[in-house]
Each structure stands twice: as C-alpha cells, then as structure tokens.
Amino acid sequence: WGSEFPDPATRLEALEFAVENLPVGVSLIRLD
C-alpha cells in the first residue's frame, strides 16, 4: 500500500472500490 492508506479501514474501502470496478466479474463463493 501507498502512504495515503495508513489505516486498515481506508485500505479496505480502497480495496472494495477496486474490486467493485474491475473490468471482469469477481466473486467469492462458499463450498455449498
């Protein structure tokens, strides 16, 4: 991470934003 993301909450928000706007579909699925 860059210095502009010092705390976990900010990093999580940035990561969620990146995943939500990826040009491909991404999902996490349980084994069932």
PDB file of all heavy atoms in Angstrom:
ATOM      1  N   TRP A   1       0.834  -1.202   0.000  1.00  0.00           N
ATOM      2  CA  TRP A   1       0.000   0.000   0.000  1.00  0.00           C
ATOM      3  C   TRP A   1       0.865   1.247   0.000  1.00  0.00           C
ATOM      4  O   TRP A   1       1.961   1.272   0.556  1.00  0.00           O
ATOM      5  CB  TRP A   1      -0.905   0.019   1.234  1.00  0.00           C
ATOM      6  CG  TRP A   1      -1.920  -1.082   1.256  1.00  0.00           C
ATOM      7  CD1 TRP A   1      -1.789  -2.312   1.820  1.00  0.00           C
ATOM      8  CD2 TRP A   1      -3.207  -1.047   0.652  1.00  0.00           C
ATOM      9  NE1 TRP A   1      -2.907  -3.058   1.620  1.00  0.00           N
ATOM     10  CE2 TRP A   1      -3.812  -2.309   0.907  1.00  0.00           C
ATOM     11  CE3 TRP A   1      -3.927  -0.095  -0.072  1.00  0.00           C
ATOM     12  CZ2 TRP A   1      -5.081  -2.634   0.467  1.00  0.00           C
ATOM     13  CZ3 TRP A   1      -5.200  -0.412  -0.504  1.00  0.00           C
ATOM     14  CH2 TRP A   1      -5.766  -1.664  -0.244  1.00  0.00           C
ATOM     15  N   GLY A   2       0.340   2.316  -0.604  1.00  0.00           N
ATOM     16  CA  GLY A   2       0.999   3.614  -0.571  1.00  0.00           C
ATOM     17  C   GLY A   2       0.780   4.300   0.763  1.00  0.00           C
ATOM     18  O   GLY A   2      -0.060   3.890   1.570  1.00  0.00           O
ATOM     19  N   SER A   3       1.510   5.348   0.998  1.00  0.00           N
ATOM     20  CA  SER A   3       1.449   6.058   2.282  1.00  0.00           C
ATOM     21  C   SER A   3       0.105   6.735   2.516  1.00  0.00           C
ATOM     22  O   SER A   3      -0.232   7.084   3.649  1.00  0.00           O
ATOM     23  CB  SER A   3       2.564   7.112   2.340  1.00  0.00           C
ATOM     24  OG  SER A   3       2.451   8.021   1.250  1.00  0.00           O
ATOM     25  N   GLU A   4      -0.706   6.926   1.448  1.00  0.00           N
ATOM     26  CA  GLU A   4      -2.002   7.590   1.625  1.00  0.00           C
ATOM     27  C   GLU A   4      -3.057   6.651   2.197  1.00  0.00           C
ATOM     28  O   GLU A   4      -4.195   7.054   2.431  1.00  0.00           O
ATOM     29  CB  GLU A   4      -2.495   8.180   0.298  1.00  0.00           C
ATOM     30  CG  GLU A   4      -2.807   7.161  -0.786  1.00  0.00           C
ATOM     31  CD  GLU A   4      -1.611   6.847  -1.669  1.00  0.00           C
ATOM     32  OE1 GLU A   4      -0.469   6.914  -1.178  1.00  0.00           O
ATOM     33  OE2 GLU A   4      -1.823   6.534  -2.856  1.00  0.00           O
ATOM     34  N   PHE A   5      -2.690   5.380   2.409  1.00  0.00           N
ATOM     35  CA  PHE A   5      -3.615   4.406   3.004  1.00  0.00           C
ATOM     36  C   PHE A   5      -2.987   3.848   4.290  1.00  0.00           C
ATOM     37  O   PHE A   5      -2.579   2.692   4.343  1.00  0.00           O
ATOM     38  CB  PHE A   5      -3.909   3.263   2.032  1.00  0.00           C
ATOM     39  CG  PHE A   5      -4.544   3.713   0.744  1.00  0.00           C
ATOM     40  CD1 PHE A   5      -3.779   3.826  -0.412  1.00  0.00           C
ATOM     41  CD2 PHE A   5      -5.894   4.027   0.693  1.00  0.00           C
ATOM     42  CE1 PHE A   5      -4.360   4.234  -1.601  1.00  0.00           C
ATOM     43  CE2 PHE A   5      -6.473   4.435  -0.497  1.00  0.00           C
ATOM     44  CZ  PHE A   5      -5.709   4.558  -1.641  1.00  0.00           C
ATOM     45  N   PRO A   6      -2.933   4.668   5.351  1.00  0.00           N
ATOM     46  CA  PRO A   6      -2.224   4.231   6.566  1.00  0.00           C
ATOM     47  C   PRO A   6      -3.006   3.265   7.445  1.00  0.00           C
ATOM     48  O   PRO A   6      -2.413   2.432   8.120  1.00  0.00           O
ATOM     49  CB  PRO A   6      -1.975   5.555   7.302  1.00  0.00           C
ATOM     50  CG  PRO A   6      -3.129   6.424   6.866  1.00  0.00           C
ATOM     51  CD  PRO A   6      -3.430   6.043   5.451  1.00  0.00           C
ATOM     52  N   ASP A   7      -4.332   3.335   7.438  1.00  0.00           N
ATOM     53  CA  ASP A   7      -5.099   2.519   8.380  1.00  0.00           C
ATOM     54  C   ASP A   7      -5.889   1.440   7.652  1.00  0.00           C
ATOM     55  O   ASP A   7      -6.231   1.574   6.474  1.00  0.00           O
ATOM     56  CB  ASP A   7      -6.057   3.402   9.195  1.00  0.00           C
ATOM     57  CG  ASP A   7      -7.088   4.074   8.312  1.00  0.00           C
ATOM     58  OD1 ASP A   7      -6.756   5.121   7.695  1.00  0.00           O
ATOM     59  OD2 ASP A   7      -8.207   3.544   8.210  1.00  0.00           O
ATOM     60  N   PRO A   8      -6.204   0.336   8.326  1.00  0.00           N
ATOM     61  CA  PRO A   8      -6.913  -0.792   7.706  1.00  0.00           C
ATOM     62  C   PRO A   8      -8.269  -0.421   7.114  1.00  0.00           C
ATOM     63  O   PRO A   8      -8.655  -0.957   6.073  1.00  0.00           O
ATOM     64  CB  PRO A   8      -7.070  -1.777   8.863  1.00  0.00           C
ATOM     65  CG  PRO A   8      -5.938  -1.457   9.790  1.00  0.00           C
ATOM     66  CD  PRO A   8      -5.779   0.028   9.698  1.00  0.00           C
ATOM     67  N   ALA A   9      -9.007   0.469   7.765  1.00  0.00           N
ATOM     68  CA  ALA A   9     -10.335   0.837   7.277  1.00  0.00           C
ATOM     69  C   ALA A   9     -10.243   1.520   5.916  1.00  0.00           C
ATOM     70  O   ALA A   9     -11.031   1.240   5.002  1.00  0.00           O
ATOM     71  CB  ALA A   9     -11.030   1.752   8.283  1.00  0.00           C
ATOM     72  N   THR A  10      -9.281   2.396   5.752  1.00  0.00           N
ATOM     73  CA  THR A  10      -9.098   3.101   4.478  1.00  0.00           C
ATOM     74  C   THR A  10      -8.654   2.124   3.390  1.00  0.00           C
ATOM     75  O   THR A  10      -9.102   2.195   2.247  1.00  0.00           O
ATOM     76  CB  THR A  10      -8.053   4.212   4.627  1.00  0.00           C
ATOM     77  OG1 THR A  10      -8.427   5.094   5.672  1.00  0.00           O
ATOM     78  CG2 THR A  10      -7.934   5.014   3.332  1.00  0.00           C
ATOM     79  N   ARG A  11      -7.791   1.209   3.771  1.00  0.00           N
ATOM     80  CA  ARG A  11      -7.322   0.213   2.816  1.00  0.00           C
ATOM     81  C   ARG A  11      -8.463  -0.693   2.358  1.00  0.00           C
ATOM     82  O   ARG A  11      -8.578  -1.016   1.179  1.00  0.00           O
ATOM     83  CB  ARG A  11      -6.208  -0.628   3.439  1.00  0.00           C
ATOM     84  CG  ARG A  11      -4.917   0.145   3.681  1.00  0.00           C
ATOM     85  CD  ARG A  11      -3.856  -0.733   4.312  1.00  0.00           C
ATOM     86  NE  ARG A  11      -2.612   0.004   4.507  1.00  0.00           N
ATOM     87  CZ  ARG A  11      -1.503  -0.529   5.024  1.00  0.00           C
ATOM     88  NH1 ARG A  11      -1.516  -1.807   5.394  1.00  0.00           N
ATOM     89  NH2 ARG A  11      -0.408   0.204   5.170  1.00  0.00           N
ATOM     90  N   LEU A  12      -9.319  -1.112   3.300  1.00  0.00           N
ATOM     91  CA  LEU A  12     -10.451  -1.969   2.967  1.00  0.00           C
ATOM     92  C   LEU A  12     -11.400  -1.240   2.017  1.00  0.00           C
ATOM     93  O   LEU A  12     -11.892  -1.828   1.048  1.00  0.00           O
ATOM     94  CB  LEU A  12     -11.197  -2.389   4.228  1.00  0.00           C
ATOM     95  CG  LEU A  12     -12.433  -3.272   4.005  1.00  0.00           C
ATOM     96  CD1 LEU A  12     -12.043  -4.565   3.293  1.00  0.00           C
ATOM     97  CD2 LEU A  12     -13.115  -3.574   5.334  1.00  0.00           C
ATOM     98  N   GLU A  13     -11.642   0.034   2.276  1.00  0.00           N
ATOM     99  CA  GLU A  13     -12.527   0.816   1.412  1.00  0.00           C
ATOM    100  C   GLU A  13     -11.941   0.929   0.005  1.00  0.00           C
ATOM    101  O   GLU A  13     -12.671   0.791  -0.996  1.00  0.00           O
ATOM    102  CB  GLU A  13     -12.724   2.213   2.011  1.00  0.00           C
ATOM    103  CG  GLU A  13     -13.671   3.089   1.209  1.00  0.00           C
ATOM    104  CD  GLU A  13     -13.852   4.459   1.841  1.00  0.00           C
ATOM    105  OE1 GLU A  13     -13.372   4.675   2.965  1.00  0.00           O
ATOM    106  OE2 GLU A  13     -14.487   5.332   1.196  1.00  0.00           O
ATOM    107  N   ALA A  14     -10.635   1.165  -0.083  1.00  0.00           N
ATOM    108  CA  ALA A  14      -9.983   1.269  -1.389  1.00  0.00           C
ATOM    109  C   ALA A  14     -10.018  -0.064  -2.121  1.00  0.00           C
ATOM    110  O   ALA A  14     -10.249  -0.125  -3.337  1.00  0.00           O
ATOM    111  CB  ALA A  14      -8.542   1.746  -1.214  1.00  0.00           C
ATOM    112  N   LEU A  15      -9.817  -1.160  -1.374  1.00  0.00           N
ATOM    113  CA  LEU A  15      -9.829  -2.490  -1.984  1.00  0.00           C
ATOM    114  C   LEU A  15     -11.226  -2.834  -2.500  1.00  0.00           C
ATOM    115  O   LEU A  15     -11.378  -3.369  -3.600  1.00  0.00           O
ATOM    116  CB  LEU A  15      -9.372  -3.533  -0.972  1.00  0.00           C
ATOM    117  CG  LEU A  15      -9.212  -4.966  -1.489  1.00  0.00           C
ATOM    118  CD1 LEU A  15      -8.202  -5.026  -2.616  1.00  0.00           C
ATOM    119  CD2 LEU A  15      -8.797  -5.894  -0.355  1.00  0.00           C
ATOM    120  N   GLU A  16     -12.255  -2.529  -1.718  1.00  0.00           N
ATOM    121  CA  GLU A  16     -13.634  -2.779  -2.146  1.00  0.00           C
ATOM    122  C   GLU A  16     -13.961  -1.980  -3.400  1.00  0.00           C
ATOM    123  O   GLU A  16     -14.630  -2.470  -4.319  1.00  0.00           O
ATOM    124  CB  GLU A  16     -14.604  -2.426  -1.018  1.00  0.00           C
ATOM    125  CG  GLU A  16     -14.563  -3.398   0.155  1.00  0.00           C
ATOM    126  CD  GLU A  16     -15.532  -2.991   1.254  1.00  0.00           C
ATOM    127  OE1 GLU A  16     -15.982  -1.815   1.247  1.00  0.00           O
ATOM    128  OE2 GLU A  16     -15.827  -3.834   2.118  1.00  0.00           O
ATOM    129  N   PHE A  17     -13.493  -0.727  -3.454  1.00  0.00           N
ATOM    130  CA  PHE A  17     -13.731   0.127  -4.619  1.00  0.00           C
ATOM    131  C   PHE A  17     -13.065  -0.462  -5.861  1.00  0.00           C
ATOM    132  O   PHE A  17     -13.656  -0.496  -6.950  1.00  0.00           O
ATOM    133  CB  PHE A  17     -13.197   1.537  -4.357  1.00  0.00           C
ATOM    134  CG  PHE A  17     -13.382   2.482  -5.513  1.00  0.00           C
ATOM    135  CD1 PHE A  17     -14.605   3.092  -5.744  1.00  0.00           C
ATOM    136  CD2 PHE A  17     -12.333   2.753  -6.384  1.00  0.00           C
ATOM    137  CE1 PHE A  17     -14.782   3.954  -6.810  1.00  0.00           C
ATOM    138  CE2 PHE A  17     -12.504   3.611  -7.459  1.00  0.00           C
ATOM    139  CZ  PHE A  17     -13.732   4.214  -7.666  1.00  0.00           C
ATOM    140  N   ALA A  18     -11.830  -0.954  -5.690  1.00  0.00           N
ATOM    141  CA  ALA A  18     -11.091  -1.530  -6.817  1.00  0.00           C
ATOM    142  C   ALA A  18     -11.774  -2.793  -7.333  1.00  0.00           C
ATOM    143  O   ALA A  18     -11.967  -2.963  -8.544  1.00  0.00           O
ATOM    144  CB  ALA A  18      -9.655  -1.837  -6.402  1.00  0.00           C
ATOM    145  N   VAL A  19     -12.170  -3.695  -6.422  1.00  0.00           N
ATOM    146  CA  VAL A  19     -12.806  -4.948  -6.825  1.00  0.00           C
ATOM    147  C   VAL A  19     -14.151  -4.677  -7.488  1.00  0.00           C
ATOM    148  O   VAL A  19     -14.494  -5.292  -8.499  1.00  0.00           O
ATOM    149  CB  VAL A  19     -12.988  -5.882  -5.610  1.00  0.00           C
ATOM    150  CG1 VAL A  19     -13.836  -7.091  -5.985  1.00  0.00           C
ATOM    151  CG2 VAL A  19     -11.631  -6.336  -5.086  1.00  0.00           C
ATOM    152  N   GLU A  20     -14.910  -3.748  -6.940  1.00  0.00           N
ATOM    153  CA  GLU A  20     -16.235  -3.436  -7.491  1.00  0.00           C
ATOM    154  C   GLU A  20     -16.145  -2.911  -8.915  1.00  0.00           C
ATOM    155  O   GLU A  20     -17.048  -3.146  -9.732  1.00  0.00           O
ATOM    156  CB  GLU A  20     -16.936  -2.399  -6.601  1.00  0.00           C
ATOM    157  CG  GLU A  20     -18.303  -1.951  -7.080  1.00  0.00           C
ATOM    158  CD  GLU A  20     -19.375  -3.031  -6.974  1.00  0.00           C
ATOM    159  OE1 GLU A  20     -19.095  -4.118  -6.416  1.00  0.00           O
ATOM    160  OE2 GLU A  20     -20.496  -2.776  -7.455  1.00  0.00           O
ATOM    161  N   ASN A  21     -15.041  -2.250  -9.250  1.00  0.00           N
ATOM    162  CA  ASN A  21     -14.923  -1.622 -10.566  1.00  0.00           C
ATOM    163  C   ASN A  21     -13.961  -2.341 -11.504  1.00  0.00           C
ATOM    164  O   ASN A  21     -13.568  -1.781 -12.538  1.00  0.00           O
ATOM    165  CB  ASN A  21     -14.478  -0.161 -10.396  1.00  0.00           C
ATOM    166  CG  ASN A  21     -15.556   0.699  -9.763  1.00  0.00           C
ATOM    167  OD1 ASN A  21     -16.483   1.146 -10.424  1.00  0.00           O
ATOM    168  ND2 ASN A  21     -15.440   0.921  -8.453  1.00  0.00           N
ATOM    169  N   LEU A  22     -13.607  -3.574 -11.184  1.00  0.00           N
ATOM    170  CA  LEU A  22     -12.773  -4.361 -12.103  1.00  0.00           C
ATOM    171  C   LEU A  22     -13.528  -4.604 -13.411  1.00  0.00           C
ATOM    172  O   LEU A  22     -14.760  -4.728 -13.410  1.00  0.00           O
ATOM    173  CB  LEU A  22     -12.408  -5.699 -11.467  1.00  0.00           C
ATOM    174  CG  LEU A  22     -11.316  -5.684 -10.390  1.00  0.00           C
ATOM    175  CD1 LEU A  22     -11.217  -7.065  -9.744  1.00  0.00           C
ATOM    176  CD2 LEU A  22      -9.978  -5.286 -10.981  1.00  0.00           C
ATOM    177  N   PRO A  23     -12.809  -4.708 -14.533  1.00  0.00           N
ATOM    178  CA  PRO A  23     -13.478  -4.954 -15.829  1.00  0.00           C
ATOM    179  C   PRO A  23     -13.909  -6.407 -16.023  1.00  0.00           C
ATOM    180  O   PRO A  23     -14.445  -6.750 -17.069  1.00  0.00           O
ATOM    181  CB  PRO A  23     -12.402  -4.560 -16.851  1.00  0.00           C
ATOM    182  CG  PRO A  23     -11.114  -4.789 -16.147  1.00  0.00           C
ATOM    183  CD  PRO A  23     -11.369  -4.456 -14.702  1.00  0.00           C
ATOM    184  N   VAL A  24     -13.657  -7.261 -15.044  1.00  0.00           N
ATOM    185  CA  VAL A  24     -14.111  -8.660 -15.091  1.00  0.00           C
ATOM    186  C   VAL A  24     -14.926  -8.938 -13.842  1.00  0.00           C
ATOM    187  O   VAL A  24     -14.816  -8.243 -12.833  1.00  0.00           O
ATOM    188  CB  VAL A  24     -12.919  -9.650 -15.175  1.00  0.00           C
ATOM    189  CG1 VAL A  24     -12.150  -9.453 -16.456  1.00  0.00           C
ATOM    190  CG2 VAL A  24     -12.013  -9.498 -13.957  1.00  0.00           C
ATOM    191  N   GLY A  25     -15.759  -9.973 -13.917  1.00  0.00           N
ATOM    192  CA  GLY A  25     -16.547 -10.349 -12.760  1.00  0.00           C
ATOM    193  C   GLY A  25     -15.698 -11.098 -11.746  1.00  0.00           C
ATOM    194  O   GLY A  25     -14.908 -11.958 -12.099  1.00  0.00           O
ATOM    195  N   VAL A  26     -15.858 -10.754 -10.476  1.00  0.00           N
ATOM    196  CA  VAL A  26     -15.134 -11.418  -9.395  1.00  0.00           C
ATOM    197  C   VAL A  26     -16.122 -11.733  -8.288  1.00  0.00           C
ATOM    198  O   VAL A  26     -16.938 -10.884  -7.902  1.00  0.00           O
ATOM    199  CB  VAL A  26     -13.994 -10.542  -8.831  1.00  0.00           C
ATOM    200  CG1 VAL A  26     -13.342 -11.220  -7.631  1.00  0.00           C
ATOM    201  CG2 VAL A  26     -12.957 -10.264  -9.897  1.00  0.00           C
ATOM    202  N   SER A  27     -16.065 -12.960  -7.778  1.00  0.00           N
ATOM    203  CA  SER A  27     -16.954 -13.340  -6.682  1.00  0.00           C
ATOM    204  C   SER A  27     -16.252 -14.316  -5.762  1.00  0.00           C
ATOM    205  O   SER A  27     -15.311 -15.014  -6.164  1.00  0.00           O
ATOM    206  CB  SER A  27     -18.247 -13.966  -7.205  1.00  0.00           C
ATOM    207  OG  SER A  27     -17.974 -15.195  -7.847  1.00  0.00           O
ATOM    208  N   LEU A  28     -16.721 -14.357  -4.514  1.00  0.00           N
ATOM    209  CA  LEU A  28     -16.254 -15.331  -3.537  1.00  0.00           C
ATOM    210  C   LEU A  28     -17.458 -16.192  -3.167  1.00  0.00           C
ATOM    211  O   LEU A  28     -18.513 -15.668  -2.800  1.00  0.00           O
ATOM    212  CB  LEU A  28     -15.685 -14.639  -2.304  1.00  0.00           C
ATOM    213  CG  LEU A  28     -14.957 -15.550  -1.299  1.00  0.00           C
ATOM    214  CD1 LEU A  28     -13.695 -16.127  -1.938  1.00  0.00           C
ATOM    215  CD2 LEU A  28     -14.612 -14.783  -0.023  1.00  0.00           C
ATOM    216  N   ILE A  29     -17.315 -17.510  -3.289  1.00  0.00           N
ATOM    217  CA  ILE A  29     -18.433 -18.434  -3.115  1.00  0.00           C
ATOM    218  C   ILE A  29     -18.067 -19.486  -2.080  1.00  0.00           C
ATOM    219  O   ILE A  29     -16.938 -19.980  -2.051  1.00  0.00           O
ATOM    220  CB  ILE A  29     -18.770 -19.119  -4.456  1.00  0.00           C
ATOM    221  CG1 ILE A  29     -19.097 -18.069  -5.521  1.00  0.00           C
ATOM    222  CG2 ILE A  29     -19.936 -20.092  -4.302  1.00  0.00           C
ATOM    223  CD1 ILE A  29     -19.222 -18.630  -6.910  1.00  0.00           C
ATOM    224  N   ARG A  30     -19.022 -19.818  -1.223  1.00  0.00           N
ATOM    225  CA  ARG A  30     -18.810 -20.906  -0.265  1.00  0.00           C
ATOM    226  C   ARG A  30     -18.825 -22.244  -0.999  1.00  0.00           C
ATOM    227  O   ARG A  30     -19.305 -22.337  -2.121  1.00  0.00           O
ATOM    228  CB  ARG A  30     -19.888 -20.875   0.817  1.00  0.00           C
ATOM    229  CG  ARG A  30     -19.912 -19.588   1.648  1.00  0.00           C
ATOM    230  CD  ARG A  30     -21.023 -19.628   2.681  1.00  0.00           C
ATOM    231  NE  ARG A  30     -21.122 -18.374   3.419  1.00  0.00           N
ATOM    232  CZ  ARG A  30     -21.859 -17.335   3.017  1.00  0.00           C
ATOM    233  NH1 ARG A  30     -22.572 -17.428   1.887  1.00  0.00           N
ATOM    234  NH2 ARG A  30     -21.900 -16.230   3.722  1.00  0.00           N
ATOM    235  N   LEU A  31     -18.333 -23.267  -0.359  1.00  0.00           N
ATOM    236  CA  LEU A  31     -18.244 -24.570  -0.994  1.00  0.00           C
ATOM    237  C   LEU A  31     -19.615 -25.163  -1.318  1.00  0.00           C
ATOM    238  O   LEU A  31     -19.721 -26.040  -2.179  1.00  0.00           O
ATOM    239  CB  LEU A  31     -17.461 -25.553  -0.110  1.00  0.00           C
ATOM    240  CG  LEU A  31     -15.985 -25.192   0.127  1.00  0.00           C
ATOM    241  CD1 LEU A  31     -15.309 -26.289   0.928  1.00  0.00           C
ATOM    242  CD2 LEU A  31     -15.256 -24.969  -1.189  1.00  0.00           C
ATOM    243  N   ASP A  32     -20.663 -24.699  -0.651  1.00  0.00           N
ATOM    244  CA  ASP A  32     -22.009 -25.195  -0.965  1.00  0.00           C
ATOM    245  C   ASP A  32     -22.641 -24.438  -2.129  1.00  0.00           C
ATOM    246  O   ASP A  32     -23.780 -24.709  -2.503  1.00  0.00           O
ATOM    247  CB  ASP A  32     -22.922 -25.124   0.264  1.00  0.00           C
ATOM    248  CG  ASP A  32     -23.187 -23.693   0.720  1.00  0.00           C
ATOM    249  OD1 ASP A  32     -22.610 -22.748   0.124  1.00  0.00           O
ATOM    250  OD2 ASP A  32     -23.976 -23.521   1.673  1.00  0.00           O
TER     251      ASP A  32
END
